[in-house]
Amino acid sequence: MTMNDTLHMLLVFTGGLLLGTVFFGGLWLTVRKTFAAKQPALWIAGSFFLRTGIALAGFYYIGHSDWQRLMICLIGFIAARLIIIRLTRPNGKPGLILEKEASHEA
């Protein structure tokens, strides 16, 4: 891999981060707005189609029919999801932790 290839793949990863931030950040905003909305179904449906359209168009543009670029973009997209989850979690809450089931032994 040359320096140009490395820089190019870094830009593809950054594009995936940007797409993921728009998608998952938009989802977070939609959920917050839905509680106060007069027509929550319209907010949810509109947000879904807008976010999905942006993500698909972004993957299509960034991917250029190259599976390696698509995979690196997807890794950036998933990384953005993890970052958004961490940033939007309520203060003091560690996230979803499943407690061990009680033992049913006698």
N, C-alpha and C. Protein backbone atom coordinates (compact mmCIF):
# COMPACT_ATOMS: atom_id res chain seq x y z
N MET A 1 0.83 -1.18 0.00
CA MET A 1 0.00 0.00 0.00
C MET A 1 0.88 1.24 0.00
N THR A 2 0.57 2.15 -0.86
CA THR A 2 1.34 3.39 -0.91
C THR A 2 0.74 4.41 0.05
N MET A 3 1.44 5.51 0.19
CA MET A 3 0.97 6.58 1.08
C MET A 3 -0.37 7.14 0.58
N ASN A 4 -0.53 7.23 -0.72
CA ASN A 4 -1.80 7.72 -1.27
C ASN A 4 -2.94 6.78 -0.95
N ASP A 5 -2.69 5.46 -1.02
CA ASP A 5 -3.72 4.48 -0.69
C ASP A 5 -4.12 4.59 0.79
N THR A 6 -3.14 4.76 1.65
CA THR A 6 -3.41 4.89 3.08
C THR A 6 -4.22 6.14 3.36
N LEU A 7 -3.85 7.24 2.76
CA LEU A 7 -4.59 8.49 2.94
C LEU A 7 -6.00 8.36 2.38
N HIS A 8 -6.11 7.70 1.25
CA HIS A 8 -7.42 7.51 0.62
C HIS A 8 -8.33 6.67 1.53
N MET A 9 -7.80 5.59 2.09
CA MET A 9 -8.60 4.75 2.98
C MET A 9 -8.95 5.48 4.28
N LEU A 10 -8.07 6.35 4.75
CA LEU A 10 -8.37 7.16 5.93
C LEU A 10 -9.53 8.12 5.64
N LEU A 11 -9.55 8.67 4.44
CA LEU A 11 -10.66 9.54 4.03
C LEU A 11 -11.96 8.74 3.91
N VAL A 12 -11.88 7.52 3.42
CA VAL A 12 -13.07 6.66 3.32
C VAL A 12 -13.59 6.34 4.73
N PHE A 13 -12.70 6.03 5.66
CA PHE A 13 -13.09 5.77 7.04
C PHE A 13 -13.75 7.00 7.65
N THR A 14 -13.19 8.17 7.40
CA THR A 14 -13.76 9.41 7.90
C THR A 14 -15.15 9.66 7.31
N GLY A 15 -15.32 9.32 6.04
CA GLY A 15 -16.64 9.41 5.42
C GLY A 15 -17.64 8.51 6.11
N GLY A 16 -17.22 7.30 6.47
CA GLY A 16 -18.08 6.38 7.21
C GLY A 16 -18.44 6.93 8.58
N LEU A 17 -17.45 7.55 9.25
CA LEU A 17 -17.73 8.18 10.54
C LEU A 17 -18.77 9.29 10.39
N LEU A 18 -18.63 10.08 9.34
CA LEU A 18 -19.57 11.16 9.11
C LEU A 18 -20.98 10.63 8.82
N LEU A 19 -21.06 9.61 7.98
CA LEU A 19 -22.36 9.00 7.68
C LEU A 19 -23.00 8.41 8.94
N GLY A 20 -22.21 7.72 9.74
CA GLY A 20 -22.72 7.14 10.97
C GLY A 20 -23.16 8.20 11.97
N THR A 21 -22.43 9.31 12.03
CA THR A 21 -22.80 10.39 12.93
C THR A 21 -24.13 11.00 12.51
N VAL A 22 -24.31 11.21 11.22
CA VAL A 22 -25.57 11.76 10.73
C VAL A 22 -26.70 10.77 11.00
N PHE A 23 -26.47 9.48 10.72
CA PHE A 23 -27.52 8.48 10.89
C PHE A 23 -27.91 8.30 12.35
N PHE A 24 -26.94 8.00 13.19
CA PHE A 24 -27.25 7.68 14.59
C PHE A 24 -27.50 8.93 15.43
N GLY A 25 -26.83 10.03 15.10
CA GLY A 25 -27.15 11.29 15.76
C GLY A 25 -28.56 11.74 15.41
N GLY A 26 -28.94 11.57 14.15
CA GLY A 26 -30.31 11.88 13.74
C GLY A 26 -31.32 11.00 14.42
N LEU A 27 -30.98 9.75 14.62
CA LEU A 27 -31.88 8.83 15.34
C LEU A 27 -32.08 9.30 16.77
N TRP A 28 -31.00 9.69 17.42
CA TRP A 28 -31.07 10.17 18.80
C TRP A 28 -31.95 11.42 18.89
N LEU A 29 -31.73 12.35 17.96
CA LEU A 29 -32.54 13.57 17.95
C LEU A 29 -34.02 13.26 17.69
N THR A 30 -34.27 12.32 16.80
CA THR A 30 -35.65 11.93 16.49
C THR A 30 -36.35 11.37 17.71
N VAL A 31 -35.67 10.51 18.44
CA VAL A 31 -36.27 9.91 19.63
C VAL A 31 -36.59 10.99 20.66
N ARG A 32 -35.68 11.94 20.82
CA ARG A 32 -35.92 13.02 21.78
C ARG A 32 -37.08 13.91 21.35
N LYS A 33 -37.19 14.21 20.07
CA LYS A 33 -38.28 15.06 19.55
C LYS A 33 -39.62 14.34 19.56
N THR A 34 -39.61 13.04 19.45
CA THR A 34 -40.84 12.26 19.33
C THR A 34 -41.73 12.41 20.56
N PHE A 35 -41.14 12.52 21.73
CA PHE A 35 -41.93 12.61 22.95
C PHE A 35 -42.79 13.87 23.00
N ALA A 36 -42.32 14.97 22.42
CA ALA A 36 -43.06 16.23 22.46
C ALA A 36 -43.83 16.51 21.17
N ALA A 37 -43.69 15.66 20.18
CA ALA A 37 -44.31 15.91 18.88
C ALA A 37 -45.81 15.62 18.91
N LYS A 38 -46.54 16.41 18.12
CA LYS A 38 -47.98 16.18 18.01
C LYS A 38 -48.27 14.98 17.10
N GLN A 39 -47.39 14.75 16.13
CA GLN A 39 -47.52 13.61 15.23
C GLN A 39 -46.21 12.81 15.24
N PRO A 40 -46.01 12.00 16.28
CA PRO A 40 -44.74 11.28 16.41
C PRO A 40 -44.47 10.30 15.27
N ALA A 41 -45.50 9.71 14.71
CA ALA A 41 -45.29 8.75 13.61
C ALA A 41 -44.69 9.45 12.40
N LEU A 42 -45.10 10.69 12.16
CA LEU A 42 -44.55 11.45 11.04
C LEU A 42 -43.08 11.76 11.26
N TRP A 43 -42.72 12.12 12.49
CA TRP A 43 -41.31 12.37 12.81
C TRP A 43 -40.48 11.11 12.60
N ILE A 44 -40.97 9.99 13.10
CA ILE A 44 -40.21 8.74 13.01
C ILE A 44 -40.06 8.30 11.56
N ALA A 45 -41.15 8.30 10.81
CA ALA A 45 -41.09 7.87 9.41
C ALA A 45 -40.24 8.81 8.57
N GLY A 46 -40.44 10.11 8.74
CA GLY A 46 -39.66 11.08 7.98
C GLY A 46 -38.17 10.98 8.28
N SER A 47 -37.85 10.85 9.55
CA SER A 47 -36.45 10.72 9.95
C SER A 47 -35.83 9.45 9.39
N PHE A 48 -36.60 8.36 9.45
CA PHE A 48 -36.08 7.09 8.95
C PHE A 48 -35.72 7.19 7.47
N PHE A 49 -36.65 7.70 6.67
CA PHE A 49 -36.40 7.78 5.24
C PHE A 49 -35.29 8.76 4.91
N LEU A 50 -35.22 9.88 5.60
CA LEU A 50 -34.16 10.85 5.36
C LEU A 50 -32.79 10.29 5.75
N ARG A 51 -32.70 9.71 6.95
CA ARG A 51 -31.42 9.16 7.41
C ARG A 51 -30.96 7.99 6.54
N THR A 52 -31.90 7.12 6.19
CA THR A 52 -31.55 5.97 5.35
C THR A 52 -31.13 6.42 3.96
N GLY A 53 -31.82 7.39 3.41
CA GLY A 53 -31.46 7.91 2.09
C GLY A 53 -30.07 8.53 2.08
N ILE A 54 -29.77 9.31 3.10
CA ILE A 54 -28.43 9.91 3.20
C ILE A 54 -27.36 8.84 3.34
N ALA A 55 -27.61 7.84 4.20
CA ALA A 55 -26.62 6.78 4.41
C ALA A 55 -26.40 5.96 3.14
N LEU A 56 -27.48 5.59 2.46
CA LEU A 56 -27.33 4.79 1.24
C LEU A 56 -26.63 5.58 0.14
N ALA A 57 -27.00 6.84 -0.03
CA ALA A 57 -26.35 7.67 -1.04
C ALA A 57 -24.87 7.85 -0.70
N GLY A 58 -24.57 8.02 0.58
CA GLY A 58 -23.18 8.17 1.00
C GLY A 58 -22.36 6.90 0.75
N PHE A 59 -22.93 5.76 1.09
CA PHE A 59 -22.22 4.49 0.84
C PHE A 59 -22.02 4.28 -0.66
N TYR A 60 -23.03 4.61 -1.44
CA TYR A 60 -22.92 4.46 -2.90
C TYR A 60 -21.82 5.37 -3.45
N TYR A 61 -21.79 6.61 -3.00
CA TYR A 61 -20.80 7.57 -3.49
C TYR A 61 -19.39 7.20 -3.02
N ILE A 62 -19.26 6.85 -1.76
CA ILE A 62 -17.93 6.54 -1.21
C ILE A 62 -17.43 5.19 -1.72
N GLY A 63 -18.32 4.22 -1.87
CA GLY A 63 -17.92 2.87 -2.24
C GLY A 63 -17.39 2.72 -3.64
N HIS A 64 -17.99 3.39 -4.60
CA HIS A 64 -17.57 3.28 -6.01
C HIS A 64 -17.40 1.83 -6.46
N SER A 65 -18.26 0.95 -6.03
CA SER A 65 -18.25 -0.47 -6.40
C SER A 65 -16.95 -1.18 -6.00
N ASP A 66 -16.30 -0.70 -4.96
CA ASP A 66 -15.08 -1.34 -4.46
C ASP A 66 -15.39 -1.89 -3.07
N TRP A 67 -15.32 -3.21 -2.92
CA TRP A 67 -15.72 -3.84 -1.67
C TRP A 67 -14.82 -3.41 -0.50
N GLN A 68 -13.55 -3.12 -0.76
CA GLN A 68 -12.66 -2.71 0.32
C GLN A 68 -13.06 -1.33 0.85
N ARG A 69 -13.40 -0.43 -0.05
CA ARG A 69 -13.84 0.90 0.37
C ARG A 69 -15.16 0.80 1.13
N LEU A 70 -16.04 -0.06 0.66
CA LEU A 70 -17.32 -0.23 1.36
C LEU A 70 -17.11 -0.78 2.77
N MET A 71 -16.20 -1.72 2.91
CA MET A 71 -15.95 -2.30 4.23
C MET A 71 -15.33 -1.28 5.18
N ILE A 72 -14.40 -0.50 4.70
CA ILE A 72 -13.77 0.51 5.56
C ILE A 72 -14.79 1.59 5.93
N CYS A 73 -15.64 1.95 4.99
CA CYS A 73 -16.70 2.91 5.27
C CYS A 73 -17.66 2.34 6.31
N LEU A 74 -18.00 1.07 6.21
CA LEU A 74 -18.88 0.42 7.17
C LEU A 74 -18.24 0.38 8.56
N ILE A 75 -16.95 0.14 8.63
CA ILE A 75 -16.26 0.15 9.92
C ILE A 75 -16.34 1.54 10.54
N GLY A 76 -16.17 2.58 9.74
CA GLY A 76 -16.33 3.95 10.24
C GLY A 76 -17.75 4.22 10.71
N PHE A 77 -18.73 3.71 9.97
CA PHE A 77 -20.13 3.86 10.31
C PHE A 77 -20.43 3.22 11.66
N ILE A 78 -19.92 2.02 11.88
CA ILE A 78 -20.12 1.31 13.14
C ILE A 78 -19.37 2.00 14.28
N ALA A 79 -18.18 2.52 13.99
CA ALA A 79 -17.43 3.27 15.01
C ALA A 79 -18.22 4.50 15.46
N ALA A 80 -18.86 5.17 14.52
CA ALA A 80 -19.69 6.33 14.87
C ALA A 80 -20.84 5.91 15.77
N ARG A 81 -21.41 4.75 15.50
CA ARG A 81 -22.50 4.24 16.35
C ARG A 81 -22.02 4.07 17.79
N LEU A 82 -20.85 3.48 17.96
CA LEU A 82 -20.32 3.27 19.30
C LEU A 82 -20.04 4.60 19.99
N ILE A 83 -19.53 5.57 19.25
CA ILE A 83 -19.24 6.89 19.81
C ILE A 83 -20.53 7.59 20.22
N ILE A 84 -21.54 7.56 19.36
CA ILE A 84 -22.83 8.20 19.66
C ILE A 84 -23.47 7.54 20.89
N ILE A 85 -23.39 6.23 20.99
CA ILE A 85 -23.94 5.54 22.16
C ILE A 85 -23.25 6.03 23.43
N ARG A 86 -21.94 6.14 23.38
CA ARG A 86 -21.20 6.58 24.56
C ARG A 86 -21.52 8.03 24.92
N LEU A 87 -21.63 8.89 23.92
CA LEU A 87 -21.87 10.31 24.18
C LEU A 87 -23.30 10.61 24.63
N THR A 88 -24.25 9.80 24.24
CA THR A 88 -25.66 10.10 24.55
C THR A 88 -26.21 9.31 25.73
N ARG A 89 -25.39 8.54 26.36
CA ARG A 89 -25.87 7.77 27.51
C ARG A 89 -26.06 8.73 28.69
N PRO A 90 -27.10 8.50 29.49
CA PRO A 90 -27.35 9.37 30.65
C PRO A 90 -26.17 9.35 31.61
N ASN A 91 -25.94 10.47 32.27
CA ASN A 91 -24.81 10.57 33.21
C ASN A 91 -24.92 9.55 34.33
N GLY A 92 -23.81 8.90 34.61
CA GLY A 92 -23.77 7.93 35.69
C GLY A 92 -24.30 6.56 35.33
N LYS A 93 -24.84 6.40 34.16
CA LYS A 93 -25.39 5.11 33.75
C LYS A 93 -24.36 4.40 32.87
N PRO A 94 -23.98 3.19 33.21
CA PRO A 94 -22.98 2.49 32.42
C PRO A 94 -23.53 1.86 31.15
N GLY A 95 -24.78 2.04 30.85
CA GLY A 95 -25.35 1.41 29.66
C GLY A 95 -26.11 0.15 30.05
N LEU A 96 -26.33 -0.69 29.07
CA LEU A 96 -27.11 -1.90 29.29
C LEU A 96 -26.23 -2.97 29.94
N ILE A 97 -26.56 -3.30 31.15
CA ILE A 97 -25.86 -4.38 31.85
C ILE A 97 -26.91 -5.38 32.29
N LEU A 98 -26.75 -6.58 31.84
CA LEU A 98 -27.69 -7.63 32.20
C LEU A 98 -27.21 -8.28 33.48
N GLU A 99 -28.11 -8.36 34.43
CA GLU A 99 -27.76 -9.00 35.69
C GLU A 99 -27.80 -10.50 35.51
N LYS A 100 -27.00 -11.19 36.31
CA LYS A 100 -27.02 -12.65 36.25
C LYS A 100 -28.37 -13.15 36.74
N GLU A 101 -28.82 -14.19 36.09
CA GLU A 101 -30.10 -14.77 36.51
C GLU A 101 -29.94 -15.44 37.86
N ALA A 102 -31.00 -15.39 38.63
CA ALA A 102 -30.99 -16.06 39.92
C ALA A 102 -30.91 -17.56 39.73
N SER A 103 -30.19 -18.18 40.57
CA SER A 103 -30.06 -19.63 40.48
C SER A 103 -31.34 -20.28 40.98
N HIS A 104 -31.81 -21.26 40.25
CA HIS A 104 -33.03 -21.96 40.63
C HIS A 104 -32.73 -23.30 41.30
N GLU A 105 -31.52 -23.44 41.76
CA GLU A 105 -31.15 -24.67 42.43
C GLU A 105 -31.73 -24.68 43.84
N ALA A 106 -32.13 -25.85 44.29
CA ALA A 106 -32.72 -25.97 45.63
C ALA A 106 -31.66 -26.23 46.67
